[in-house]
PDB file of all heavy atoms in Angstrom:
ATOM      1  N   ALA A   1     167.806  62.109  26.777  1.00  0.00           N
ATOM      2  CA  ALA A   1     166.420  61.689  26.972  1.00  0.00           C
ATOM      3  C   ALA A   1     166.014  61.715  28.434  1.00  0.00           C
ATOM      4  O   ALA A   1     164.856  61.960  28.772  1.00  0.00           O
ATOM      5  CB  ALA A   1     166.210  60.287  26.397  1.00  0.00           C
ATOM      6  N   SER A   2     166.950  61.453  29.335  1.00  0.00           N
ATOM      7  CA  SER A   2     166.637  61.424  30.765  1.00  0.00           C
ATOM      8  C   SER A   2     167.882  61.745  31.568  1.00  0.00           C
ATOM      9  O   SER A   2     168.888  61.051  31.455  1.00  0.00           O
ATOM     10  CB  SER A   2     166.100  60.043  31.165  1.00  0.00           C
ATOM     11  OG  SER A   2     165.991  59.948  32.580  1.00  0.00           O
ATOM     12  N   GLN A   3     167.805  62.812  32.373  1.00  0.00           N
ATOM     13  CA  GLN A   3     168.935  63.200  33.204  1.00  0.00           C
ATOM     14  C   GLN A   3     168.935  62.498  34.557  1.00  0.00           C
ATOM     15  O   GLN A   3     169.825  62.726  35.379  1.00  0.00           O
ATOM     16  CB  GLN A   3     168.940  64.713  33.425  1.00  0.00           C
ATOM     17  CG  GLN A   3     169.244  65.523  32.182  1.00  0.00           C
ATOM     18  CD  GLN A   3     168.045  65.661  31.264  1.00  0.00           C
ATOM     19  OE1 GLN A   3     166.980  66.094  31.682  1.00  0.00           O
ATOM     20  NE2 GLN A   3     168.204  65.283  30.002  1.00  0.00           N
ATOM     21  N   PHE A   4     167.949  61.640  34.797  1.00  0.00           N
ATOM     22  CA  PHE A   4     167.896  60.913  36.061  1.00  0.00           C
ATOM     23  C   PHE A   4     169.079  59.949  36.135  1.00  0.00           C
ATOM     24  O   PHE A   4     169.283  59.123  35.239  1.00  0.00           O
ATOM     25  CB  PHE A   4     166.588  60.140  36.178  1.00  0.00           C
ATOM     26  CG  PHE A   4     166.474  59.321  37.437  1.00  0.00           C
ATOM     27  CD1 PHE A   4     166.433  59.930  38.675  1.00  0.00           C
ATOM     28  CD2 PHE A   4     166.434  57.942  37.377  1.00  0.00           C
ATOM     29  CE1 PHE A   4     166.334  59.181  39.837  1.00  0.00           C
ATOM     30  CE2 PHE A   4     166.336  57.177  38.523  1.00  0.00           C
ATOM     31  CZ  PHE A   4     166.284  57.808  39.765  1.00  0.00           C
ATOM     32  N   ASN A   5     169.854  60.062  37.207  1.00  0.00           N
ATOM     33  CA  ASN A   5     171.076  59.264  37.332  1.00  0.00           C
ATOM     34  C   ASN A   5     170.763  57.949  38.039  1.00  0.00           C
ATOM     35  O   ASN A   5     170.667  57.887  39.263  1.00  0.00           O
ATOM     36  CB  ASN A   5     172.136  60.047  38.116  1.00  0.00           C
ATOM     37  CG  ASN A   5     173.520  59.455  37.947  1.00  0.00           C
ATOM     38  OD1 ASN A   5     173.680  58.254  37.742  1.00  0.00           O
ATOM     39  ND2 ASN A   5     174.527  60.304  38.024  1.00  0.00           N
ATOM     40  N   ARG A   6     170.618  56.899  37.255  1.00  0.00           N
ATOM     41  CA  ARG A   6     170.277  55.594  37.818  1.00  0.00           C
ATOM     42  C   ARG A   6     171.436  54.965  38.583  1.00  0.00           C
ATOM     43  O   ARG A   6     171.233  54.021  39.344  1.00  0.00           O
ATOM     44  CB  ARG A   6     169.824  54.662  36.694  1.00  0.00           C
ATOM     45  CG  ARG A   6     168.539  55.125  36.025  1.00  0.00           C
ATOM     46  CD  ARG A   6     168.368  54.569  34.624  1.00  0.00           C
ATOM     47  NE  ARG A   6     167.243  55.214  33.947  1.00  0.00           N
ATOM     48  CZ  ARG A   6     167.319  56.385  33.342  1.00  0.00           C
ATOM     49  NH1 ARG A   6     168.462  57.038  33.303  1.00  0.00           N
ATOM     50  NH2 ARG A   6     166.243  56.910  32.758  1.00  0.00           N
ATOM     51  N   ALA A   7     172.634  55.480  38.391  1.00  0.00           N
ATOM     52  CA  ALA A   7     173.794  54.928  39.092  1.00  0.00           C
ATOM     53  C   ALA A   7     173.925  55.477  40.505  1.00  0.00           C
ATOM     54  O   ALA A   7     174.457  54.801  41.384  1.00  0.00           O
ATOM     55  CB  ALA A   7     175.071  55.225  38.310  1.00  0.00           C
ATOM     56  N   THR A   8     173.432  56.690  40.744  1.00  0.00           N
ATOM     57  CA  THR A   8     173.629  57.318  42.048  1.00  0.00           C
ATOM     58  C   THR A   8     172.335  57.602  42.792  1.00  0.00           C
ATOM     59  O   THR A   8     172.354  57.745  44.013  1.00  0.00           O
ATOM     60  CB  THR A   8     174.391  58.640  41.888  1.00  0.00           C
ATOM     61  OG1 THR A   8     173.617  59.541  41.064  1.00  0.00           O
ATOM     62  CG2 THR A   8     175.738  58.409  41.241  1.00  0.00           C
ATOM     63  N   ALA A   9     171.213  57.691  42.075  1.00  0.00           N
ATOM     64  CA  ALA A   9     169.959  58.080  42.723  1.00  0.00           C
ATOM     65  C   ALA A   9     168.912  56.974  42.765  1.00  0.00           C
ATOM     66  O   ALA A   9     168.064  56.966  43.656  1.00  0.00           O
ATOM     67  CB  ALA A   9     169.368  59.301  42.011  1.00  0.00           C
ATOM     68  N   SER A  10     168.952  56.054  41.834  1.00  0.00           N
ATOM     69  CA  SER A  10     167.934  55.006  41.766  1.00  0.00           C
ATOM     70  C   SER A  10     168.212  53.913  42.798  1.00  0.00           C
ATOM     71  O   SER A  10     169.324  53.390  42.885  1.00  0.00           O
ATOM     72  CB  SER A  10     167.906  54.390  40.369  1.00  0.00           C
ATOM     73  OG  SER A  10     166.903  53.393  40.283  1.00  0.00           O
ATOM     74  N   GLN A  11     167.202  53.574  43.572  1.00  0.00           N
ATOM     75  CA  GLN A  11     167.323  52.512  44.569  1.00  0.00           C
ATOM     76  C   GLN A  11     166.606  51.266  44.059  1.00  0.00           C
ATOM     77  O   GLN A  11     165.410  51.285  43.799  1.00  0.00           O
ATOM     78  CB  GLN A  11     166.714  52.956  45.906  1.00  0.00           C
ATOM     79  CG  GLN A  11     167.409  54.157  46.520  1.00  0.00           C
ATOM     80  CD  GLN A  11     166.847  54.539  47.866  1.00  0.00           C
ATOM     81  OE1 GLN A  11     166.246  53.715  48.561  1.00  0.00           O
ATOM     82  NE2 GLN A  11     167.043  55.784  48.260  1.00  0.00           N
ATOM     83  N   ARG A  12     167.374  50.192  43.897  1.00  0.00           N
ATOM     84  CA  ARG A  12     166.836  48.947  43.360  1.00  0.00           C
ATOM     85  C   ARG A  12     167.248  47.779  44.250  1.00  0.00           C
ATOM     86  O   ARG A  12     168.264  47.827  44.941  1.00  0.00           O
ATOM     87  CB  ARG A  12     167.363  48.707  41.936  1.00  0.00           C
ATOM     88  CG  ARG A  12     167.200  49.867  40.984  1.00  0.00           C
ATOM     89  CD  ARG A  12     165.750  50.185  40.690  1.00  0.00           C
ATOM     90  NE  ARG A  12     165.068  49.137  39.977  1.00  0.00           N
ATOM     91  CZ  ARG A  12     164.373  49.314  38.865  1.00  0.00           C
ATOM     92  NH1 ARG A  12     164.279  50.515  38.314  1.00  0.00           N
ATOM     93  NH2 ARG A  12     163.756  48.299  38.280  1.00  0.00           N
ATOM     94  N   GLN A  13     166.451  46.717  44.192  1.00  0.00           N
ATOM     95  CA  GLN A  13     166.789  45.535  44.981  1.00  0.00           C
ATOM     96  C   GLN A  13     168.025  44.854  44.404  1.00  0.00           C
ATOM     97  O   GLN A  13     168.126  44.663  43.194  1.00  0.00           O
ATOM     98  CB  GLN A  13     165.615  44.558  45.005  1.00  0.00           C
ATOM     99  CG  GLN A  13     164.435  45.030  45.832  1.00  0.00           C
ATOM    100  CD  GLN A  13     163.384  43.956  46.010  1.00  0.00           C
ATOM    101  OE1 GLN A  13     163.424  42.913  45.363  1.00  0.00           O
ATOM    102  NE2 GLN A  13     162.433  44.208  46.891  1.00  0.00           N
ATOM    103  N   PRO A  14     168.986  44.472  45.258  1.00  0.00           N
ATOM    104  CA  PRO A  14     170.235  43.884  44.761  1.00  0.00           C
ATOM    105  C   PRO A  14     170.184  42.387  44.538  1.00  0.00           C
ATOM    106  O   PRO A  14     171.107  41.818  43.961  1.00  0.00           O
ATOM    107  CB  PRO A  14     171.229  44.230  45.871  1.00  0.00           C
ATOM    108  CG  PRO A  14     170.387  44.235  47.111  1.00  0.00           C
ATOM    109  CD  PRO A  14     169.041  44.763  46.698  1.00  0.00           C
ATOM    110  N   GLY A  15     169.147  41.724  45.031  1.00  0.00           N
ATOM    111  CA  GLY A  15     169.108  40.272  44.903  1.00  0.00           C
ATOM    112  C   GLY A  15     170.305  39.636  45.591  1.00  0.00           C
ATOM    113  O   GLY A  15     170.755  40.077  46.648  1.00  0.00           O
ATOM    114  N   SER A  16     170.855  38.602  44.960  1.00  0.00           N
ATOM    115  CA  SER A  16     171.948  37.854  45.584  1.00  0.00           C
ATOM    116  C   SER A  16     173.251  38.644  45.680  1.00  0.00           C
ATOM    117  O   SER A  16     174.172  38.228  46.388  1.00  0.00           O
ATOM    118  CB  SER A  16     172.201  36.560  44.807  1.00  0.00           C
ATOM    119  OG  SER A  16     171.098  35.679  44.947  1.00  0.00           O
ATOM    120  N   SER A  17     173.354  39.774  44.992  1.00  0.00           N
ATOM    121  CA  SER A  17     174.561  40.585  45.138  1.00  0.00           C
ATOM    122  C   SER A  17     174.642  41.227  46.519  1.00  0.00           C
ATOM    123  O   SER A  17     175.660  41.823  46.867  1.00  0.00           O
ATOM    124  CB  SER A  17     174.620  41.663  44.048  1.00  0.00           C
ATOM    125  OG  SER A  17     173.565  42.597  44.196  1.00  0.00           O
ATOM    126  N   PHE A  18     173.576  41.081  47.319  1.00  0.00           N
ATOM    127  CA  PHE A  18     173.594  41.546  48.704  1.00  0.00           C
ATOM    128  C   PHE A  18     174.224  40.511  49.644  1.00  0.00           C
ATOM    129  O   PHE A  18     174.635  40.842  50.758  1.00  0.00           O
ATOM    130  CB  PHE A  18     172.160  41.855  49.157  1.00  0.00           C
ATOM    131  CG  PHE A  18     172.060  42.472  50.527  1.00  0.00           C
ATOM    132  CD1 PHE A  18     172.261  43.829  50.709  1.00  0.00           C
ATOM    133  CD2 PHE A  18     171.747  41.694  51.641  1.00  0.00           C
ATOM    134  CE1 PHE A  18     172.167  44.401  51.964  1.00  0.00           C
ATOM    135  CE2 PHE A  18     171.651  42.261  52.902  1.00  0.00           C
ATOM    136  CZ  PHE A  18     171.857  43.620  53.062  1.00  0.00           C
ATOM    137  N   LYS A  19     174.287  39.266  49.204  1.00  0.00           N
ATOM    138  CA  LYS A  19     174.734  38.186  50.089  1.00  0.00           C
ATOM    139  C   LYS A  19     176.141  38.373  50.659  1.00  0.00           C
ATOM    140  O   LYS A  19     176.393  37.961  51.801  1.00  0.00           O
ATOM    141  CB  LYS A  19     174.632  36.842  49.356  1.00  0.00           C
ATOM    142  CG  LYS A  19     173.197  36.403  49.104  1.00  0.00           C
ATOM    143  CD  LYS A  19     173.136  35.132  48.273  1.00  0.00           C
ATOM    144  CE  LYS A  19     171.689  34.743  47.988  1.00  0.00           C
ATOM    145  NZ  LYS A  19     171.589  33.572  47.096  1.00  0.00           N
ATOM    146  N   PRO A  20     177.092  38.977  49.916  1.00  0.00           N
ATOM    147  CA  PRO A  20     178.409  39.179  50.528  1.00  0.00           C
ATOM    148  C   PRO A  20     178.380  39.974  51.826  1.00  0.00           C
ATOM    149  O   PRO A  20     179.218  39.742  52.703  1.00  0.00           O
ATOM    150  CB  PRO A  20     179.186  39.917  49.427  1.00  0.00           C
ATOM    151  CG  PRO A  20     178.597  39.390  48.162  1.00  0.00           C
ATOM    152  CD  PRO A  20     177.133  39.259  48.463  1.00  0.00           C
ATOM    153  N   TYR A  21     177.429  40.890  51.989  1.00  0.00           N
ATOM    154  CA  TYR A  21     177.320  41.618  53.255  1.00  0.00           C
ATOM    155  C   TYR A  21     176.872  40.671  54.372  1.00  0.00           C
ATOM    156  O   TYR A  21     177.311  40.801  55.521  1.00  0.00           O
ATOM    157  CB  TYR A  21     176.333  42.778  53.117  1.00  0.00           C
ATOM    158  CG  TYR A  21     176.662  43.728  51.984  1.00  0.00           C
ATOM    159  CD1 TYR A  21     175.861  43.793  50.842  1.00  0.00           C
ATOM    160  CD2 TYR A  21     177.777  44.550  52.041  1.00  0.00           C
ATOM    161  CE1 TYR A  21     176.158  44.647  49.802  1.00  0.00           C
ATOM    162  CE2 TYR A  21     178.085  45.418  50.999  1.00  0.00           C
ATOM    163  CZ  TYR A  21     177.268  45.457  49.878  1.00  0.00           C
ATOM    164  OH  TYR A  21     177.579  46.302  48.846  1.00  0.00           O
ATOM    165  N   VAL A  22     176.003  39.732  54.022  1.00  0.00           N
ATOM    166  CA  VAL A  22     175.547  38.743  55.004  1.00  0.00           C
ATOM    167  C   VAL A  22     176.710  37.836  55.405  1.00  0.00           C
ATOM    168  O   VAL A  22     176.951  37.599  56.596  1.00  0.00           O
ATOM    169  CB  VAL A  22     174.388  37.903  54.421  1.00  0.00           C
ATOM    170  CG1 VAL A  22     173.891  36.906  55.461  1.00  0.00           C
ATOM    171  CG2 VAL A  22     173.250  38.806  53.954  1.00  0.00           C
ATOM    172  N   TYR A  23     177.426  37.363  54.413  1.00  0.00           N
ATOM    173  CA  TYR A  23     178.569  36.486  54.694  1.00  0.00           C
ATOM    174  C   TYR A  23     179.621  37.228  55.513  1.00  0.00           C
ATOM    175  O   TYR A  23     180.217  36.663  56.434  1.00  0.00           O
ATOM    176  CB  TYR A  23     179.180  35.986  53.382  1.00  0.00           C
ATOM    177  CG  TYR A  23     178.465  34.799  52.773  1.00  0.00           C
ATOM    178  CD1 TYR A  23     177.163  34.890  52.295  1.00  0.00           C
ATOM    179  CD2 TYR A  23     179.102  33.570  52.662  1.00  0.00           C
ATOM    180  CE1 TYR A  23     176.511  33.805  51.730  1.00  0.00           C
ATOM    181  CE2 TYR A  23     178.464  32.470  52.091  1.00  0.00           C
ATOM    182  CZ  TYR A  23     177.170  32.596  51.628  1.00  0.00           C
ATOM    183  OH  TYR A  23     176.527  31.508  51.075  1.00  0.00           O
ATOM    184  N   ALA A  24     179.861  38.502  55.174  1.00  0.00           N
ATOM    185  CA  ALA A  24     180.863  39.279  55.916  1.00  0.00           C
ATOM    186  C   ALA A  24     180.453  39.446  57.375  1.00  0.00           C
ATOM    187  O   ALA A  24     181.291  39.362  58.282  1.00  0.00           O
ATOM    188  CB  ALA A  24     181.052  40.644  55.253  1.00  0.00           C
ATOM    189  N   ALA A  25     179.157  39.667  57.612  1.00  0.00           N
ATOM    190  CA  ALA A  25     178.683  39.794  58.993  1.00  0.00           C
ATOM    191  C   ALA A  25     178.852  38.479  59.746  1.00  0.00           C
ATOM    192  O   ALA A  25     179.244  38.464  60.920  1.00  0.00           O
ATOM    193  CB  ALA A  25     177.217  40.231  59.002  1.00  0.00           C
ATOM    194  N   ALA A  26     178.549  37.360  59.079  1.00  0.00           N
ATOM    195  CA  ALA A  26     178.666  36.052  59.723  1.00  0.00           C
ATOM    196  C   ALA A  26     180.124  35.700  60.013  1.00  0.00           C
ATOM    197  O   ALA A  26     180.450  35.171  61.082  1.00  0.00           O
ATOM    198  CB  ALA A  26     178.022  34.985  58.848  1.00  0.00           C
ATOM    199  N   LEU A  27     181.013  35.998  59.063  1.00  0.00           N
ATOM    200  CA  LEU A  27     182.430  35.732  59.294  1.00  0.00           C
ATOM    201  C   LEU A  27     182.986  36.644  60.384  1.00  0.00           C
ATOM    202  O   LEU A  27     183.821  36.225  61.195  1.00  0.00           O
ATOM    203  CB  LEU A  27     183.223  35.916  57.999  1.00  0.00           C
ATOM    204  CG  LEU A  27     183.441  34.640  57.151  1.00  0.00           C
ATOM    205  CD1 LEU A  27     182.132  34.076  56.654  1.00  0.00           C
ATOM    206  CD2 LEU A  27     184.377  34.940  55.970  1.00  0.00           C
ATOM    207  N   SER A  28     182.517  37.913  60.421  1.00  0.00           N
ATOM    208  CA  SER A  28     182.982  38.846  61.454  1.00  0.00           C
ATOM    209  C   SER A  28     182.549  38.398  62.843  1.00  0.00           C
ATOM    210  O   SER A  28     183.227  38.689  63.837  1.00  0.00           O
ATOM    211  CB  SER A  28     182.447  40.257  61.167  1.00  0.00           C
ATOM    212  OG  SER A  28     182.967  40.759  59.953  1.00  0.00           O
ATOM    213  N   ALA A  29     181.418  37.672  62.913  1.00  0.00           N
ATOM    214  CA  ALA A  29     180.946  37.160  64.202  1.00  0.00           C
ATOM    215  C   ALA A  29     181.715  35.916  64.635  1.00  0.00           C
ATOM    216  O   ALA A  29     181.480  35.383  65.734  1.00  0.00           O
ATOM    217  CB  ALA A  29     179.447  36.853  64.117  1.00  0.00           C
ATOM    218  N   GLY A  30     182.628  35.420  63.787  1.00  0.00           N
ATOM    219  CA  GLY A  30     183.437  34.255  64.122  1.00  0.00           C
ATOM    220  C   GLY A  30     182.702  32.939  64.014  1.00  0.00           C
ATOM    221  O   GLY A  30     183.135  31.935  64.587  1.00  0.00           O
ATOM    222  N   LEU A  31     181.592  32.923  63.266  1.00  0.00           N
ATOM    223  CA  LEU A  31     180.761  31.716  63.202  1.00  0.00           C
ATOM    224  C   LEU A  31     181.087  30.824  62.013  1.00  0.00           C
ATOM    225  O   LEU A  31     180.716  29.647  62.001  1.00  0.00           O
ATOM    226  CB  LEU A  31     179.278  32.131  63.133  1.00  0.00           C
ATOM    227  CG  LEU A  31     178.775  33.007  64.281  1.00  0.00           C
ATOM    228  CD1 LEU A  31     177.331  33.417  64.035  1.00  0.00           C
ATOM    229  CD2 LEU A  31     178.900  32.272  65.613  1.00  0.00           C
ATOM    230  N   TYR A  32     181.758  31.372  60.993  1.00  0.00           N
ATOM    231  CA  TYR A  32     181.994  30.606  59.772  1.00  0.00           C
ATOM    232  C   TYR A  32     183.402  30.885  59.252  1.00  0.00           C
ATOM    233  O   TYR A  32     184.010  31.913  59.550  1.00  0.00           O
ATOM    234  CB  TYR A  32     180.980  30.982  58.681  1.00  0.00           C
ATOM    235  CG  TYR A  32     179.557  30.655  59.005  1.00  0.00           C
ATOM    236  CD1 TYR A  32     178.755  31.561  59.709  1.00  0.00           C
ATOM    237  CD2 TYR A  32     178.979  29.449  58.601  1.00  0.00           C
ATOM    238  CE1 TYR A  32     177.435  31.280  60.003  1.00  0.00           C
ATOM    239  CE2 TYR A  32     177.662  29.159  58.886  1.00  0.00           C
ATOM    240  CZ  TYR A  32     176.890  30.072  59.587  1.00  0.00           C
ATOM    241  OH  TYR A  32     175.586  29.785  59.873  1.00  0.00           O
ATOM    242  N   LYS A  33     183.859  29.962  58.417  1.00  0.00           N
ATOM    243  CA  LYS A  33     185.067  30.107  57.630  1.00  0.00           C
ATOM    244  C   LYS A  33     184.758  29.623  56.218  1.00  0.00           C
ATOM    245  O   LYS A  33     183.743  28.935  56.012  1.00  0.00           O
ATOM    246  CB  LYS A  33     186.209  29.294  58.231  1.00  0.00           C
ATOM    247  CG  LYS A  33     186.669  29.784  59.602  1.00  0.00           C
ATOM    248  CD  LYS A  33     187.822  28.930  60.109  1.00  0.00           C
ATOM    249  CE  LYS A  33     188.292  29.431  61.481  1.00  0.00           C
ATOM    250  NZ  LYS A  33     189.416  28.602  62.012  1.00  0.00           N
ATOM    251  N   PRO A  34     185.598  29.926  55.255  1.00  0.00           N
ATOM    252  CA  PRO A  34     185.323  29.440  53.888  1.00  0.00           C
ATOM    253  C   PRO A  34     185.176  27.926  53.803  1.00  0.00           C
ATOM    254  O   PRO A  34     184.435  27.420  52.953  1.00  0.00           O
ATOM    255  CB  PRO A  34     186.537  29.926  53.094  1.00  0.00           C
ATOM    256  CG  PRO A  34     186.992  31.139  53.828  1.00  0.00           C
ATOM    257  CD  PRO A  34     186.746  30.850  55.271  1.00  0.00           C
ATOM    258  N   SER A  35     185.863  27.208  54.677  1.00  0.00           N
ATOM    259  CA  SER A  35     185.805  25.745  54.628  1.00  0.00           C
ATOM    260  C   SER A  35     184.667  25.149  55.441  1.00  0.00           C
ATOM    261  O   SER A  35     184.457  23.935  55.431  1.00  0.00           O
ATOM    262  CB  SER A  35     187.134  25.170  55.138  1.00  0.00           C
ATOM    263  OG  SER A  35     187.384  25.608  56.473  1.00  0.00           O
ATOM    264  N   THR A  36     183.924  25.984  56.165  1.00  0.00           N
ATOM    265  CA  THR A  36     182.823  25.480  56.980  1.00  0.00           C
ATOM    266  C   THR A  36     181.796  24.756  56.114  1.00  0.00           C
ATOM    267  O   THR A  36     181.390  25.256  55.059  1.00  0.00           O
ATOM    268  CB  THR A  36     182.136  26.637  57.735  1.00  0.00           C
ATOM    269  OG1 THR A  36     183.103  27.293  58.559  1.00  0.00           O
ATOM    270  CG2 THR A  36     180.990  26.122  58.596  1.00  0.00           C
ATOM    271  N   ILE A  37     181.371  23.581  56.557  1.00  0.00           N
ATOM    272  CA  ILE A  37     180.356  22.815  55.829  1.00  0.00           C
ATOM    273  C   ILE A  37     178.975  23.314  56.237  1.00  0.00           C
ATOM    274  O   ILE A  37     178.631  23.349  57.418  1.00  0.00           O
ATOM    275  CB  ILE A  37     180.487  21.309  56.104  1.00  0.00           C
ATOM    276  CG1 ILE A  37     181.876  20.809  55.679  1.00  0.00           C
ATOM    277  CG2 ILE A  37     179.396  20.538  55.350  1.00  0.00           C
ATOM    278  CD1 ILE A  37     182.195  21.006  54.212  1.00  0.00           C
ATOM    279  N   VAL A  38     178.198  23.719  55.260  1.00  0.00           N
ATOM    280  CA  VAL A  38     176.830  24.173  55.500  1.00  0.00           C
ATOM    281  C   VAL A  38     175.889  23.287  54.698  1.00  0.00           C
ATOM    282  O   VAL A  38     176.297  22.636  53.735  1.00  0.00           O
ATOM    283  CB  VAL A  38     176.653  25.645  55.101  1.00  0.00           C
ATOM    284  CG1 VAL A  38     177.469  26.560  56.013  1.00  0.00           C
ATOM    285  CG2 VAL A  38     177.050  25.865  53.648  1.00  0.00           C
ATOM    286  N   THR A  39     174.640  23.280  55.106  1.00  0.00           N
ATOM    287  CA  THR A  39     173.672  22.394  54.455  1.00  0.00           C
ATOM    288  C   THR A  39     172.538  23.203  53.848  1.00  0.00           C
ATOM    289  O   THR A  39     171.867  23.972  54.542  1.00  0.00           O
ATOM    290  CB  THR A  39     173.094  21.390  55.459  1.00  0.00           C
ATOM    291  OG1 THR A  39     174.164  20.648  56.047  1.00  0.00           O
ATOM    292  CG2 THR A  39     172.134  20.434  54.766  1.00  0.00           C
ATOM    293  N   ASP A  40     172.366  23.043  52.579  1.00  0.00           N
ATOM    294  CA  ASP A  40     171.243  23.659  51.873  1.00  0.00           C
ATOM    295  C   ASP A  40     170.002  22.822  52.156  1.00  0.00           C
ATOM    296  O   ASP A  40     169.852  21.709  51.648  1.00  0.00           O
ATOM    297  CB  ASP A  40     171.537  23.708  50.371  1.00  0.00           C
ATOM    298  CG  ASP A  40     170.385  24.319  49.584  1.00  0.00           C
ATOM    299  OD1 ASP A  40     169.582  25.050  50.187  1.00  0.00           O
ATOM    300  OD2 ASP A  40     170.304  24.062  48.364  1.00  0.00           O
ATOM    301  N   ARG A  41     169.128  23.346  52.963  1.00  0.00           N
ATOM    302  CA  ARG A  41     167.939  22.622  53.414  1.00  0.00           C
ATOM    303  C   ARG A  41     166.792  23.613  53.592  1.00  0.00           C
ATOM    304  O   ARG A  41     167.004  24.823  53.644  1.00  0.00           O
ATOM    305  CB  ARG A  41     168.225  21.932  54.747  1.00  0.00           C
ATOM    306  CG  ARG A  41     168.683  22.889  55.835  1.00  0.00           C
ATOM    307  CD  ARG A  41     168.866  22.225  57.179  1.00  0.00           C
ATOM    308  NE  ARG A  41     169.417  23.133  58.179  1.00  0.00           N
ATOM    309  CZ  ARG A  41     168.717  24.068  58.822  1.00  0.00           C
ATOM    310  NH1 ARG A  41     167.427  24.218  58.545  1.00  0.00           N
ATOM    311  NH2 ARG A  41     169.295  24.854  59.714  1.00  0.00           N
ATOM    312  N   PRO A  42     165.559  23.104  53.720  1.00  0.00           N
ATOM    313  CA  PRO A  42     164.433  24.012  53.951  1.00  0.00           C
ATOM    314  C   PRO A  42     164.604  24.778  55.259  1.00  0.00           C
ATOM    315  O   PRO A  42     165.020  24.207  56.270  1.00  0.00           O
ATOM    316  CB  PRO A  42     163.220  23.073  54.007  1.00  0.00           C
ATOM    317  CG  PRO A  42     163.659  21.858  53.262  1.00  0.00           C
ATOM    318  CD  PRO A  42     165.123  21.710  53.533  1.00  0.00           C
ATOM    319  N   VAL A  43     164.312  26.058  55.229  1.00  0.00           N
ATOM    320  CA  VAL A  43     164.346  26.891  56.421  1.00  0.00           C
ATOM    321  C   VAL A  43     163.212  27.896  56.302  1.00  0.00           C
ATOM    322  O   VAL A  43     162.953  28.442  55.233  1.00  0.00           O
ATOM    323  CB  VAL A  43     165.709  27.604  56.573  1.00  0.00           C
ATOM    324  CG1 VAL A  43     166.010  28.480  55.376  1.00  0.00           C
ATOM    325  CG2 VAL A  43     165.749  28.426  57.856  1.00  0.00           C
TER     326      VAL A  43
END
């Protein structure tokens, strides 16, 4: 019905599945560890 390859060609928003890249960047900067206490607050 459709030869369009949604796995390799379709660009979609990842939502929260993008967050590991953010966490990896923050950990690579030496600012956080898994045990670091963070606060969920308005920002």
